[in-house]
N, C-alpha and C. Protein backbone atom coordinates (compact mmCIF):
# COMPACT_ATOMS: atom_id res chain seq x y z
N MET A 1 56.38 130.71 23.17
CA MET A 1 57.39 130.56 24.94
C MET A 1 58.13 129.38 24.74
N THR A 2 59.53 129.41 25.18
CA THR A 2 60.06 128.35 24.81
C THR A 2 60.25 127.47 26.08
N THR A 3 60.83 126.37 26.21
CA THR A 3 60.43 125.10 26.53
C THR A 3 61.05 125.62 28.11
N ASN A 4 62.23 126.02 27.87
CA ASN A 4 62.77 126.70 28.95
C ASN A 4 62.04 127.77 29.84
N ARG A 5 61.46 128.54 29.34
CA ARG A 5 61.08 129.50 29.92
C ARG A 5 59.98 129.05 30.81
N LEU A 6 59.51 127.93 30.12
CA LEU A 6 58.11 127.14 31.07
C LEU A 6 58.73 126.28 32.05
N LYS A 7 60.03 125.91 32.03
CA LYS A 7 60.47 125.12 33.27
C LYS A 7 60.85 126.11 33.98
N LEU A 8 61.50 127.28 33.86
CA LEU A 8 61.84 128.08 34.97
C LEU A 8 60.55 128.18 35.43
N HIS A 9 59.59 128.69 35.02
CA HIS A 9 58.45 129.34 35.68
C HIS A 9 57.47 128.08 36.59
N ALA A 10 58.16 127.14 35.85
CA ALA A 10 57.10 126.04 36.53
C ALA A 10 57.98 125.70 37.90
N ALA A 11 59.05 126.17 37.54
CA ALA A 11 59.99 125.72 39.38
C ALA A 11 59.97 126.95 40.25
N ILE A 12 59.39 128.12 39.62
CA ILE A 12 59.11 129.22 40.19
C ILE A 12 57.48 128.93 40.83
N VAL A 13 56.39 128.56 40.35
CA VAL A 13 55.72 128.47 40.86
C VAL A 13 55.65 127.24 42.10
N ASP A 14 56.55 126.02 41.64
CA ASP A 14 56.57 124.98 42.65
C ASP A 14 56.90 125.77 43.89
N GLN A 15 58.25 126.58 43.84
CA GLN A 15 59.03 126.86 44.81
C GLN A 15 57.90 127.81 45.63
N MET A 16 57.03 129.08 45.11
CA MET A 16 56.11 129.84 45.87
C MET A 16 55.54 128.68 46.54
N ALA A 17 54.87 127.88 45.73
CA ALA A 17 53.56 127.24 46.54
C ALA A 17 54.52 126.42 47.84
N HIS A 18 55.45 125.95 47.77
CA HIS A 18 56.44 125.00 48.92
C HIS A 18 56.65 126.70 49.92
N THR A 19 57.17 128.11 49.27
CA THR A 19 57.03 128.80 50.77
C THR A 19 56.08 128.98 51.15
N ARG A 20 54.97 129.03 50.80
CA ARG A 20 53.45 129.58 51.12
C ARG A 20 53.08 128.16 51.83
N GLY A 21 53.74 126.75 51.98
CA GLY A 21 53.65 125.50 52.88
C GLY A 21 52.77 124.58 52.15
N VAL A 22 53.08 124.87 50.69
CA VAL A 22 51.91 123.95 49.92
C VAL A 22 52.58 123.02 48.84
N ASP A 23 52.72 121.59 48.97
CA ASP A 23 52.98 120.86 48.34
C ASP A 23 51.91 120.62 47.23
N LEU A 24 52.13 121.11 46.16
CA LEU A 24 51.63 121.02 44.60
C LEU A 24 50.92 119.71 44.39
N GLU A 25 51.84 118.40 44.33
CA GLU A 25 51.68 117.41 44.17
C GLU A 25 50.32 116.94 44.99
N GLN A 26 50.60 116.93 46.64
CA GLN A 26 49.77 116.24 47.35
C GLN A 26 48.33 116.78 47.09
N ALA A 27 48.48 118.22 46.88
CA ALA A 27 46.92 119.03 46.41
C ALA A 27 46.56 118.70 45.38
N ALA A 28 47.38 118.02 44.67
CA ALA A 28 46.56 117.73 43.23
C ALA A 28 46.11 116.18 43.51
N LEU A 29 47.04 115.57 44.14
CA LEU A 29 46.30 114.23 44.97
C LEU A 29 44.82 114.51 45.00
N ARG A 30 45.10 115.16 46.40
CA ARG A 30 43.75 115.67 47.38
C ARG A 30 42.39 116.18 46.25
N GLY A 31 42.63 116.75 45.34
CA GLY A 31 41.74 117.07 44.50
C GLY A 31 41.65 118.44 44.78
N ASP A 32 42.57 119.37 45.52
CA ASP A 32 42.38 120.75 45.82
C ASP A 32 42.94 121.72 44.38
N ILE A 33 43.74 120.94 43.15
CA ILE A 33 44.01 121.91 42.30
C ILE A 33 43.88 120.53 41.03
N SER A 34 44.01 121.04 39.85
CA SER A 34 43.83 120.07 38.90
C SER A 34 45.20 120.32 37.95
N THR A 35 45.71 119.82 37.13
CA THR A 35 46.83 119.74 36.20
C THR A 35 46.91 121.16 35.48
N ASP A 36 45.27 121.59 34.99
CA ASP A 36 45.06 122.40 34.09
C ASP A 36 45.05 123.74 35.02
N VAL A 37 44.62 123.61 36.28
CA VAL A 37 44.82 125.08 37.11
C VAL A 37 46.32 125.42 37.23
N ILE A 38 47.31 123.90 37.71
CA ILE A 38 48.90 124.34 37.83
C ILE A 38 49.29 124.69 36.40
N LEU A 39 48.94 124.19 35.19
CA LEU A 39 49.61 124.93 34.06
C LEU A 39 49.05 126.29 33.78
N ASP A 40 47.85 126.80 34.16
CA ASP A 40 47.28 128.44 34.29
C ASP A 40 48.46 128.77 35.47
N LEU A 41 48.90 128.61 36.51
CA LEU A 41 49.33 129.35 37.52
C LEU A 41 50.92 129.17 36.59
N VAL A 42 51.46 128.20 35.78
CA VAL A 42 52.47 128.65 35.49
C VAL A 42 52.83 129.47 34.18
N LEU A 43 51.47 129.40 33.33
CA LEU A 43 51.74 130.54 32.07
C LEU A 43 51.28 132.02 32.97
N ARG A 44 50.60 132.14 33.87
CA ARG A 44 50.86 133.55 34.57
C ARG A 44 51.81 133.89 35.03
N CYS A 45 52.61 133.11 35.62
CA CYS A 45 53.70 133.53 36.22
C CYS A 45 54.71 133.71 34.96
N ALA A 46 54.77 132.96 33.65
CA ALA A 46 55.60 133.19 32.80
C ALA A 46 55.28 134.49 32.10
N GLY A 47 53.91 135.37 32.31
CA GLY A 47 53.61 136.75 31.76
C GLY A 47 54.35 137.92 32.53
N CYS A 48 54.69 137.48 33.58
CA CYS A 48 55.32 138.47 34.94
C CYS A 48 56.47 139.11 34.59
N THR A 49 56.74 140.04 34.79
CA THR A 49 57.97 141.04 34.51
C THR A 49 59.01 140.72 35.88
N GLN A 50 58.59 140.56 36.86
CA GLN A 50 59.16 140.48 37.88
C GLN A 50 60.17 139.11 38.29
N THR A 51 60.41 138.52 37.04
CA THR A 51 60.81 137.25 37.61
C THR A 51 62.14 136.85 38.57
N GLN A 52 63.38 137.90 38.08
CA GLN A 52 64.40 137.78 38.80
C GLN A 52 64.09 138.29 40.13
N THR A 53 63.05 139.45 40.61
CA THR A 53 62.54 139.84 41.71
C THR A 53 62.15 138.90 42.62
N CYS A 54 61.21 138.19 41.87
CA CYS A 54 60.67 136.95 42.55
C CYS A 54 61.91 135.80 42.75
N GLN A 55 62.39 135.35 42.13
CA GLN A 55 63.85 134.65 42.73
C GLN A 55 64.30 135.04 43.56
N ASN A 56 64.79 136.15 43.69
CA ASN A 56 65.52 136.32 44.82
C ASN A 56 64.78 136.71 46.19
N TRP A 57 63.76 137.01 45.93
CA TRP A 57 62.49 136.83 47.29
C TRP A 57 62.62 135.46 47.73
N LEU A 58 62.17 134.48 46.46
CA LEU A 58 62.19 133.27 47.09
C LEU A 58 63.41 132.79 48.01
N VAL A 59 64.77 133.11 47.46
CA VAL A 59 65.92 132.55 47.90
C VAL A 59 65.92 133.15 49.26
N ASP A 60 65.41 134.57 49.48
CA ASP A 60 65.66 135.00 51.01
C ASP A 60 64.45 134.46 52.36
N GLN A 61 63.42 133.49 51.55
CA GLN A 61 62.51 133.17 52.79
C GLN A 61 63.06 131.88 53.41
N VAL A 62 63.05 132.00 54.56
CA VAL A 62 63.14 131.06 55.74
C VAL A 62 61.96 130.30 56.21
N GLY A 63 61.55 129.20 55.84
CA GLY A 63 60.12 128.58 56.71
C GLY A 63 59.23 128.75 55.69
N THR A 64 58.06 129.01 56.22
CA THR A 64 56.66 129.27 55.62
C THR A 64 56.26 130.60 55.60
N ALA A 65 55.87 131.23 54.16
CA ALA A 65 55.94 132.67 54.05
C ALA A 65 54.56 132.85 54.50
N SER A 66 53.94 133.74 54.83
CA SER A 66 52.42 134.16 55.13
C SER A 66 52.01 134.64 53.94
N ASP A 67 52.70 135.07 52.83
CA ASP A 67 51.87 135.93 51.94
C ASP A 67 53.00 135.80 50.80
N THR A 68 52.45 135.98 49.67
CA THR A 68 53.41 136.15 48.17
C THR A 68 53.76 137.45 48.47
N PRO A 69 54.65 137.88 47.53
CA PRO A 69 55.08 139.64 47.22
C PRO A 69 53.80 139.98 46.77
N HIS A 70 53.59 141.39 46.55
CA HIS A 70 52.59 142.09 46.44
C HIS A 70 52.36 141.92 44.62
N TYR A 71 53.39 141.87 43.96
CA TYR A 71 53.20 141.59 42.50
C TYR A 71 52.67 140.17 41.79
N CYS A 72 53.12 139.41 42.95
CA CYS A 72 52.55 138.01 42.45
C CYS A 72 50.91 137.82 41.74
N ARG A 73 51.41 137.27 40.59
CA ARG A 73 50.18 137.13 39.25
C ARG A 73 48.99 135.83 40.36
N ASN A 74 49.85 135.10 40.79
CA ASN A 74 49.03 133.94 41.29
C ASN A 74 48.73 133.85 42.84
N ALA A 75 48.76 135.03 43.25
CA ALA A 75 48.53 135.39 45.02
C ALA A 75 47.39 134.67 45.77
N HIS A 76 46.44 135.02 44.66
CA HIS A 76 44.94 134.53 44.84
C HIS A 76 44.95 132.97 44.93
N ALA A 77 45.76 132.15 44.24
CA ALA A 77 45.53 130.70 44.07
C ALA A 77 46.52 130.35 45.18
N PHE A 78 47.67 130.85 45.47
CA PHE A 78 48.46 130.48 46.38
C PHE A 78 47.88 130.60 47.70
N LYS A 79 46.94 131.72 48.17
CA LYS A 79 46.37 131.93 49.36
C LYS A 79 45.13 130.58 49.83
N ALA A 80 44.47 130.68 48.49
CA ALA A 80 43.81 129.57 48.83
C ALA A 80 44.01 128.21 48.60
N LEU A 81 45.40 127.86 48.06
CA LEU A 81 45.72 126.59 48.58
C LEU A 81 46.52 126.23 49.89
N ALA A 82 47.01 127.24 50.17
CA ALA A 82 47.37 127.35 51.55
C ALA A 82 46.53 127.21 52.48
N VAL A 83 45.00 127.80 52.26
CA VAL A 83 44.16 127.23 53.30
C VAL A 83 43.89 126.38 53.23
N ALA A 84 43.86 125.75 52.11
CA ALA A 84 42.96 124.17 51.72
C ALA A 84 44.43 123.30 52.53
N SER A 85 45.58 123.60 52.38
CA SER A 85 46.64 122.69 52.99
C SER A 85 46.72 122.33 54.20
N ALA A 86 46.43 123.93 55.04
CA ALA A 86 46.38 123.81 56.41
C ALA A 86 44.96 122.86 57.17
N ARG A 87 44.29 122.95 56.29
CA ARG A 87 42.79 122.56 56.34
C ARG A 87 42.88 120.92 56.61
N ASP A 88 44.03 120.39 55.44
CA ASP A 88 43.79 118.87 54.75
C ASP A 88 45.12 118.29 56.52
N THR A 89 45.60 119.36 56.78
CA THR A 89 46.59 118.80 57.53
C THR A 89 46.26 118.40 59.07
């Protein structure tokens, strides 16, 4: 896997988290997620075949989304992070 591909999917993971109302950096500082788990999210995302569809979905979002697209391989993690983030604010 190339560095550019990893960077692309790291950006998608960060955008998806942000769209779900989660700041990954703050979540890591609070202990809600480890850097190893963030790396797992990126790697899982990199294995997805819906990259362009996901990017288009992210561009279309306004404000905080209540869920991720049905095909998101990290949906469960984003849901848990959104719950933890809401609890901590």
